Amino acid sequence: MVSRKMDSHKSAKKPARKWSAEVTKHSDALDLDKDVFKSGSAEEIAKSLKRSAERSRRRKSSPYRSAMSMLTFYENRAGRNLSARRRHILELAKERLRELFDRQRGKAH
């Protein structure tokens, strides 16, 4: 019978990696204003994301797609921890972002 040694490094618990928080803080596409998603105003969130997306020279897509992607990423990352009020504000921010970029829901550019 072959005995198996238990590796001590396997039994130790690794700290949870917060990769999504790192993406939000250190996005290679957008330099976000500090605490942009903490704003209680959909208008301010949308304007800030638009400004960041248009200033960025590192993004790989259009400013509109970069801004909308970051907003959607944040909303998905927050998941169930997002209150109904916050989720509503973020949905309004998406609508306002579409208006600022002169886009309509579902219209491809």
C-alpha atoms as a PDB file:
ATOM      1  CA  MET A   1       0.000   0.000   0.000  1.00  0.00           C
ATOM      2  CA  VAL A   2       1.331   3.384  -0.991  1.00  0.00           C
ATOM      3  CA  SER A   3       0.976   6.073   1.625  1.00  0.00           C
ATOM      4  CA  ARG A   4       0.288   9.576   0.491  1.00  0.00           C
ATOM      5  CA  LYS A   5       1.925  12.469   2.163  1.00  0.00           C
ATOM      6  CA  MET A   6      -0.244  15.483   2.707  1.00  0.00           C
ATOM      7  CA  ASP A   7       1.429  18.567   1.353  1.00  0.00           C
ATOM      8  CA  SER A   8       1.387  21.217   4.036  1.00  0.00           C
ATOM      9  CA  HIS A   9       1.051  24.003   1.467  1.00  0.00           C
ATOM     10  CA  LYS A  10      -2.161  22.508   0.118  1.00  0.00           C
ATOM     11  CA  SER A  11      -3.892  22.525   3.474  1.00  0.00           C
ATOM     12  CA  ALA A  12      -3.247  26.208   4.108  1.00  0.00           C
ATOM     13  CA  LYS A  13      -6.067  28.438   2.952  1.00  0.00           C
ATOM     14  CA  LYS A  14      -5.140  31.073   0.417  1.00  0.00           C
ATOM     15  CA  PRO A  15      -6.561  34.557   0.841  1.00  0.00           C
ATOM     16  CA  ALA A  16      -9.405  35.296  -1.558  1.00  0.00           C
ATOM     17  CA  ARG A  17      -8.197  37.109  -4.651  1.00  0.00           C
ATOM     18  CA  LYS A  18     -10.166  40.196  -5.503  1.00  0.00           C
ATOM     19  CA  TRP A  19      -9.295  40.309  -9.198  1.00  0.00           C
ATOM     20  CA  SER A  20     -12.394  42.294 -10.111  1.00  0.00           C
ATOM     21  CA  ALA A  21     -11.565  45.051  -7.650  1.00  0.00           C
ATOM     22  CA  GLU A  22      -8.109  45.254  -9.202  1.00  0.00           C
ATOM     23  CA  VAL A  23      -9.653  45.615 -12.667  1.00  0.00           C
ATOM     24  CA  THR A  24     -11.808  48.491 -11.455  1.00  0.00           C
ATOM     25  CA  LYS A  25      -8.847  50.217  -9.789  1.00  0.00           C
ATOM     26  CA  HIS A  26      -6.235  49.543 -12.445  1.00  0.00           C
ATOM     27  CA  SER A  27      -8.153  49.226 -15.682  1.00  0.00           C
ATOM     28  CA  ASP A  28      -5.875  49.354 -18.690  1.00  0.00           C
ATOM     29  CA  ALA A  29      -8.628  50.967 -20.724  1.00  0.00           C
ATOM     30  CA  LEU A  30      -9.956  53.789 -18.580  1.00  0.00           C
ATOM     31  CA  ASP A  31      -8.606  56.055 -15.858  1.00  0.00           C
ATOM     32  CA  LEU A  32     -11.722  56.383 -13.748  1.00  0.00           C
ATOM     33  CA  ASP A  33     -12.460  59.265 -11.414  1.00  0.00           C
ATOM     34  CA  LYS A  34     -12.140  58.246  -7.768  1.00  0.00           C
ATOM     35  CA  ASP A  35     -15.374  56.801  -6.353  1.00  0.00           C
ATOM     36  CA  VAL A  36     -17.244  57.371  -9.620  1.00  0.00           C
ATOM     37  CA  PHE A  37     -19.654  54.515  -8.891  1.00  0.00           C
ATOM     38  CA  LYS A  38     -20.423  55.791  -5.386  1.00  0.00           C
ATOM     39  CA  SER A  39     -22.143  58.865  -6.766  1.00  0.00           C
ATOM     40  CA  GLY A  40     -25.861  59.044  -6.106  1.00  0.00           C
ATOM     41  CA  SER A  41     -26.416  60.716  -9.458  1.00  0.00           C
ATOM     42  CA  ALA A  42     -26.839  58.737 -12.679  1.00  0.00           C
ATOM     43  CA  GLU A  43     -25.959  61.919 -14.578  1.00  0.00           C
ATOM     44  CA  GLU A  44     -22.618  62.294 -12.774  1.00  0.00           C
ATOM     45  CA  ILE A  45     -21.712  58.635 -13.261  1.00  0.00           C
ATOM     46  CA  ALA A  46     -22.499  58.803 -16.996  1.00  0.00           C
ATOM     47  CA  LYS A  47     -20.625  62.079 -17.531  1.00  0.00           C
ATOM     48  CA  SER A  48     -17.585  60.809 -15.647  1.00  0.00           C
ATOM     49  CA  LEU A  49     -17.464  57.546 -17.625  1.00  0.00           C
ATOM     50  CA  LYS A  50     -17.862  59.425 -20.910  1.00  0.00           C
ATOM     51  CA  ARG A  51     -15.081  61.846 -19.983  1.00  0.00           C
ATOM     52  CA  SER A  52     -12.758  58.992 -18.954  1.00  0.00           C
ATOM     53  CA  ALA A  53     -13.490  56.976 -22.098  1.00  0.00           C
ATOM     54  CA  GLU A  54     -12.900  59.909 -24.425  1.00  0.00           C
ATOM     55  CA  ARG A  55      -9.621  60.877 -22.737  1.00  0.00           C
ATOM     56  CA  SER A  56      -8.197  57.366 -22.733  1.00  0.00           C
ATOM     57  CA  ARG A  57      -5.673  56.461 -25.407  1.00  0.00           C
ATOM     58  CA  ARG A  58      -5.291  52.894 -24.151  1.00  0.00           C
ATOM     59  CA  ARG A  59      -8.772  51.632 -24.841  1.00  0.00           C
ATOM     60  CA  LYS A  60      -9.218  49.010 -27.531  1.00  0.00           C
ATOM     61  CA  SER A  61     -12.770  49.887 -28.479  1.00  0.00           C
ATOM     62  CA  SER A  62     -14.899  52.969 -29.058  1.00  0.00           C
ATOM     63  CA  PRO A  63     -15.350  55.379 -26.125  1.00  0.00           C
ATOM     64  CA  TYR A  64     -19.019  54.385 -25.908  1.00  0.00           C
ATOM     65  CA  ARG A  65     -18.276  50.661 -25.684  1.00  0.00           C
ATOM     66  CA  SER A  66     -15.491  51.192 -23.154  1.00  0.00           C
ATOM     67  CA  ALA A  67     -17.671  53.339 -20.905  1.00  0.00           C
ATOM     68  CA  MET A  68     -20.661  50.996 -21.116  1.00  0.00           C
ATOM     69  CA  SER A  69     -18.451  47.949 -20.539  1.00  0.00           C
ATOM     70  CA  MET A  70     -16.985  49.444 -17.372  1.00  0.00           C
ATOM     71  CA  LEU A  71     -20.441  50.327 -16.061  1.00  0.00           C
ATOM     72  CA  THR A  72     -21.790  46.845 -16.815  1.00  0.00           C
ATOM     73  CA  PHE A  73     -18.687  45.240 -15.307  1.00  0.00           C
ATOM     74  CA  TYR A  74     -19.184  47.180 -12.078  1.00  0.00           C
ATOM     75  CA  GLU A  75     -22.878  46.285 -11.930  1.00  0.00           C
ATOM     76  CA  ASN A  76     -22.168  42.581 -12.525  1.00  0.00           C
ATOM     77  CA  ARG A  77     -19.309  42.550 -10.020  1.00  0.00           C
ATOM     78  CA  ALA A  78     -21.532  43.989  -7.299  1.00  0.00           C
ATOM     79  CA  GLY A  79     -24.164  41.342  -8.038  1.00  0.00           C
ATOM     80  CA  ARG A  80     -26.607  40.638  -5.237  1.00  0.00           C
ATOM     81  CA  ASN A  81     -24.869  43.103  -2.931  1.00  0.00           C
ATOM     82  CA  LEU A  82     -26.334  45.954  -4.951  1.00  0.00           C
ATOM     83  CA  SER A  83     -29.440  47.486  -3.428  1.00  0.00           C
ATOM     84  CA  ALA A  84     -32.478  48.045  -5.634  1.00  0.00           C
ATOM     85  CA  ARG A  85     -31.850  51.801  -5.384  1.00  0.00           C
ATOM     86  CA  ARG A  86     -28.188  51.497  -6.513  1.00  0.00           C
ATOM     87  CA  ARG A  87     -29.144  49.132  -9.344  1.00  0.00           C
ATOM     88  CA  HIS A  88     -31.777  51.648 -10.474  1.00  0.00           C
ATOM     89  CA  ILE A  89     -29.214  54.485 -10.430  1.00  0.00           C
ATOM     90  CA  LEU A  90     -26.802  52.398 -12.517  1.00  0.00           C
ATOM     91  CA  GLU A  91     -29.545  51.531 -15.011  1.00  0.00           C
ATOM     92  CA  LEU A  92     -30.364  55.246 -15.296  1.00  0.00           C
ATOM     93  CA  ALA A  93     -26.648  55.923 -15.806  1.00  0.00           C
ATOM     94  CA  LYS A  94     -26.661  53.462 -18.724  1.00  0.00           C
ATOM     95  CA  GLU A  95     -29.609  55.271 -20.282  1.00  0.00           C
ATOM     96  CA  ARG A  96     -27.901  58.633 -19.773  1.00  0.00           C
ATOM     97  CA  LEU A  97     -24.676  57.267 -21.274  1.00  0.00           C
ATOM     98  CA  ARG A  98     -26.607  56.204 -24.381  1.00  0.00           C
ATOM     99  CA  GLU A  99     -28.033  59.721 -24.629  1.00  0.00           C
ATOM    100  CA  LEU A 100     -24.633  61.370 -24.173  1.00  0.00           C
ATOM    101  CA  PHE A 101     -23.193  59.242 -26.969  1.00  0.00           C
ATOM    102  CA  ASP A 102     -26.320  59.708 -29.085  1.00  0.00           C
ATOM    103  CA  ARG A 103     -27.120  55.993 -29.071  1.00  0.00           C
ATOM    104  CA  GLN A 104     -30.385  54.149 -28.776  1.00  0.00           C
ATOM    105  CA  ARG A 105     -30.952  50.928 -26.881  1.00  0.00           C
ATOM    106  CA  GLY A 106     -30.242  47.966 -29.136  1.00  0.00           C
ATOM    107  CA  LYS A 107     -28.942  50.104 -32.014  1.00  0.00           C
ATOM    108  CA  ALA A 108     -25.595  48.871 -33.309  1.00  0.00           C
ATOM    109  CA  HIS A 109     -22.919  51.335 -34.438  1.00  0.00           C
END
